[in-house]
Amino acid sequence: KSCESDGPDLASNLICNGWAGILVEGHAARRAVLKQEFGHRRNLVIVSQLAMRETVGRVLEDATWNNLDLRDAEVDLLQITFGANDCEILRGIVESGFRPRFVRAIFWHPVP
């Protein structure tokens, strides 16, 4: 949700109030909204890579390494959108040792 909308959810409220983090979003339209809303933020990374159990740790490591504000800092928030394999991806995050203070998992399962 936008920072300007009425009653943003908890994760959006944290982001809007300056928490540093990584937003993993594969949906092009939603990613565009996130970039428009938060693209100016130096302590926030918007990642559009496909996350899989075997690669998610590396994706998150790269996101923090390539951002000087997040490198060697604690990540406040990880927001990740799942289309499938959600439990496997969460397992990959845990196995990688990546430990944000707050994880927001969004489950997106299209119905045919």
C-alpha atoms as a PDB file:
ATOM      1  CA  LYS A   1       0.000   0.000   0.000  1.00  0.00           C
ATOM      2  CA  SER A   2       1.049   3.562  -0.580  1.00  0.00           C
ATOM      3  CA  CYS A   3       2.319   5.691   2.279  1.00  0.00           C
ATOM      4  CA  GLU A   4      -0.398   8.183   1.335  1.00  0.00           C
ATOM      5  CA  SER A   5      -3.266   5.681   1.536  1.00  0.00           C
ATOM      6  CA  ASP A   6      -5.498   5.408   4.556  1.00  0.00           C
ATOM      7  CA  GLY A   7      -4.434   2.802   7.057  1.00  0.00           C
ATOM      8  CA  PRO A   8      -1.376   1.157   5.502  1.00  0.00           C
ATOM      9  CA  ASP A   9      -0.708  -2.370   6.717  1.00  0.00           C
ATOM     10  CA  LEU A  10       2.048  -3.023   9.257  1.00  0.00           C
ATOM     11  CA  ALA A  11       4.839  -3.735   6.762  1.00  0.00           C
ATOM     12  CA  SER A  12       3.969  -0.709   4.637  1.00  0.00           C
ATOM     13  CA  ASN A  13       3.865   1.429   7.763  1.00  0.00           C
ATOM     14  CA  LEU A  14       7.370   0.258   8.729  1.00  0.00           C
ATOM     15  CA  ILE A  15       8.692   1.042   5.251  1.00  0.00           C
ATOM     16  CA  CYS A  16       6.963   4.434   5.215  1.00  0.00           C
ATOM     17  CA  ASN A  17       8.537   5.269   8.567  1.00  0.00           C
ATOM     18  CA  GLY A  18      12.077   4.706   7.368  1.00  0.00           C
ATOM     19  CA  TRP A  19      12.865   1.058   8.015  1.00  0.00           C
ATOM     20  CA  ALA A  20      15.627  -0.268   5.772  1.00  0.00           C
ATOM     21  CA  GLY A  21      14.890  -3.326   3.754  1.00  0.00           C
ATOM     22  CA  ILE A  22      14.605  -5.478   0.683  1.00  0.00           C
ATOM     23  CA  LEU A  23      11.418  -5.815  -1.336  1.00  0.00           C
ATOM     24  CA  VAL A  24      11.381  -8.872  -3.610  1.00  0.00           C
ATOM     25  CA  GLU A  25       8.636  -8.421  -6.193  1.00  0.00           C
ATOM     26  CA  GLY A  26       8.261 -10.382  -9.411  1.00  0.00           C
ATOM     27  CA  HIS A  27       5.019  -8.838 -10.661  1.00  0.00           C
ATOM     28  CA  ALA A  28       5.904  -6.065 -13.128  1.00  0.00           C
ATOM     29  CA  ALA A  29       2.994  -3.719 -12.327  1.00  0.00           C
ATOM     30  CA  ARG A  30       3.470  -3.994  -8.565  1.00  0.00           C
ATOM     31  CA  ARG A  31       7.232  -3.542  -8.940  1.00  0.00           C
ATOM     32  CA  ALA A  32       6.595  -0.342 -10.921  1.00  0.00           C
ATOM     33  CA  VAL A  33       4.388   0.981  -8.112  1.00  0.00           C
ATOM     34  CA  LEU A  34       7.074   0.156  -5.537  1.00  0.00           C
ATOM     35  CA  LYS A  35       9.749   1.895  -7.621  1.00  0.00           C
ATOM     36  CA  GLN A  36       7.573   4.971  -8.009  1.00  0.00           C
ATOM     37  CA  GLU A  37       6.798   5.091  -4.294  1.00  0.00           C
ATOM     38  CA  PHE A  38      10.207   4.143  -2.885  1.00  0.00           C
ATOM     39  CA  GLY A  39      12.743   4.522  -5.704  1.00  0.00           C
ATOM     40  CA  HIS A  40      14.293   7.556  -4.003  1.00  0.00           C
ATOM     41  CA  ARG A  41      15.061   5.624  -0.807  1.00  0.00           C
ATOM     42  CA  ARG A  42      18.733   4.729  -0.434  1.00  0.00           C
ATOM     43  CA  ASN A  43      18.109   2.231   2.366  1.00  0.00           C
ATOM     44  CA  LEU A  44      15.561   0.210   0.402  1.00  0.00           C
ATOM     45  CA  VAL A  45      16.288  -2.256  -2.399  1.00  0.00           C
ATOM     46  CA  ILE A  46      13.620  -3.441  -4.836  1.00  0.00           C
ATOM     47  CA  VAL A  47      14.603  -6.805  -6.299  1.00  0.00           C
ATOM     48  CA  SER A  48      12.915  -8.338  -9.306  1.00  0.00           C
ATOM     49  CA  GLN A  49      14.845 -11.603  -9.496  1.00  0.00           C
ATOM     50  CA  LEU A  50      13.142 -14.963  -9.354  1.00  0.00           C
ATOM     51  CA  ALA A  51      13.735 -16.462  -5.929  1.00  0.00           C
ATOM     52  CA  MET A  52      14.260 -20.193  -5.522  1.00  0.00           C
ATOM     53  CA  ARG A  53      15.446 -22.136  -2.497  1.00  0.00           C
ATOM     54  CA  GLU A  54      18.894 -22.616  -4.007  1.00  0.00           C
ATOM     55  CA  THR A  55      19.344 -18.962  -5.000  1.00  0.00           C
ATOM     56  CA  VAL A  56      17.386 -16.817  -2.557  1.00  0.00           C
ATOM     57  CA  GLY A  57      20.268 -16.463  -0.102  1.00  0.00           C
ATOM     58  CA  ARG A  58      22.553 -15.204  -2.867  1.00  0.00           C
ATOM     59  CA  VAL A  59      19.868 -12.827  -4.172  1.00  0.00           C
ATOM     60  CA  LEU A  60      19.503 -11.268  -0.707  1.00  0.00           C
ATOM     61  CA  GLU A  61      23.267 -11.170  -0.153  1.00  0.00           C
ATOM     62  CA  ASP A  62      23.733  -9.390  -3.499  1.00  0.00           C
ATOM     63  CA  ALA A  63      20.944  -6.932  -2.665  1.00  0.00           C
ATOM     64  CA  THR A  64      22.662  -5.895   0.557  1.00  0.00           C
ATOM     65  CA  TRP A  65      26.194  -5.924  -0.872  1.00  0.00           C
ATOM     66  CA  ASN A  66      25.240  -3.730  -3.826  1.00  0.00           C
ATOM     67  CA  ASN A  67      23.612  -1.125  -1.578  1.00  0.00           C
ATOM     68  CA  LEU A  68      26.093   0.824   0.559  1.00  0.00           C
ATOM     69  CA  ASP A  69      23.392   1.774   3.070  1.00  0.00           C
ATOM     70  CA  LEU A  70      22.571  -1.902   3.678  1.00  0.00           C
ATOM     71  CA  ARG A  71      26.049  -3.393   3.381  1.00  0.00           C
ATOM     72  CA  ASP A  72      27.196  -4.638   6.790  1.00  0.00           C
ATOM     73  CA  ALA A  73      23.961  -3.329   8.348  1.00  0.00           C
ATOM     74  CA  GLU A  74      21.015  -5.133   9.867  1.00  0.00           C
ATOM     75  CA  VAL A  75      18.130  -5.379   7.418  1.00  0.00           C
ATOM     76  CA  ASP A  76      14.931  -4.279   9.110  1.00  0.00           C
ATOM     77  CA  LEU A  77      12.418  -5.720   6.678  1.00  0.00           C
ATOM     78  CA  LEU A  78      12.285  -8.384   4.000  1.00  0.00           C
ATOM     79  CA  GLN A  79       9.119  -8.337   1.917  1.00  0.00           C
ATOM     80  CA  ILE A  80       8.855 -11.202  -0.543  1.00  0.00           C
ATOM     81  CA  THR A  81       6.048 -12.194  -2.886  1.00  0.00           C
ATOM     82  CA  PHE A  82       5.607 -15.883  -3.619  1.00  0.00           C
ATOM     83  CA  GLY A  83       3.929 -17.433  -6.619  1.00  0.00           C
ATOM     84  CA  ALA A  84       4.908 -20.998  -5.763  1.00  0.00           C
ATOM     85  CA  ASN A  85       7.352 -22.987  -3.626  1.00  0.00           C
ATOM     86  CA  ASP A  86       6.808 -20.626  -0.707  1.00  0.00           C
ATOM     87  CA  CYS A  87       7.905 -23.053   2.013  1.00  0.00           C
ATOM     88  CA  GLU A  88      11.005 -24.049   0.044  1.00  0.00           C
ATOM     89  CA  ILE A  89      11.992 -20.400  -0.490  1.00  0.00           C
ATOM     90  CA  LEU A  90      11.482 -19.609   3.197  1.00  0.00           C
ATOM     91  CA  ARG A  91      13.644 -22.637   4.016  1.00  0.00           C
ATOM     92  CA  GLY A  92      16.323 -21.252   1.675  1.00  0.00           C
ATOM     93  CA  ILE A  93      16.229 -17.909   3.493  1.00  0.00           C
ATOM     94  CA  VAL A  94      16.673 -19.615   6.864  1.00  0.00           C
ATOM     95  CA  GLU A  95      19.443 -21.881   5.540  1.00  0.00           C
ATOM     96  CA  SER A  96      21.298 -18.887   4.096  1.00  0.00           C
ATOM     97  CA  GLY A  97      21.596 -17.288   7.530  1.00  0.00           C
ATOM     98  CA  PHE A  98      19.860 -14.116   6.377  1.00  0.00           C
ATOM     99  CA  ARG A  99      18.068 -12.649   9.400  1.00  0.00           C
ATOM    100  CA  PRO A 100      15.958  -9.528   8.855  1.00  0.00           C
ATOM    101  CA  ARG A 101      14.096  -8.157  11.869  1.00  0.00           C
ATOM    102  CA  PHE A 102      10.710  -8.581  10.156  1.00  0.00           C
ATOM    103  CA  VAL A 103       9.584 -10.780   7.244  1.00  0.00           C
ATOM    104  CA  ARG A 104       6.459 -10.037   5.266  1.00  0.00           C
ATOM    105  CA  ALA A 105       5.511 -12.967   3.045  1.00  0.00           C
ATOM    106  CA  ILE A 106       2.902 -12.255   0.381  1.00  0.00           C
ATOM    107  CA  PHE A 107       1.356 -15.314  -1.187  1.00  0.00           C
ATOM    108  CA  TRP A 108       0.094 -14.774  -4.714  1.00  0.00           C
ATOM    109  CA  HIS A 109      -1.535 -17.824  -6.218  1.00  0.00           C
ATOM    110  CA  PRO A 110      -3.527 -17.151  -9.382  1.00  0.00           C
ATOM    111  CA  VAL A 111      -6.717 -19.097  -9.770  1.00  0.00           C
ATOM    112  CA  PRO A 112      -7.395 -20.337 -13.322  1.00  0.00           C
END
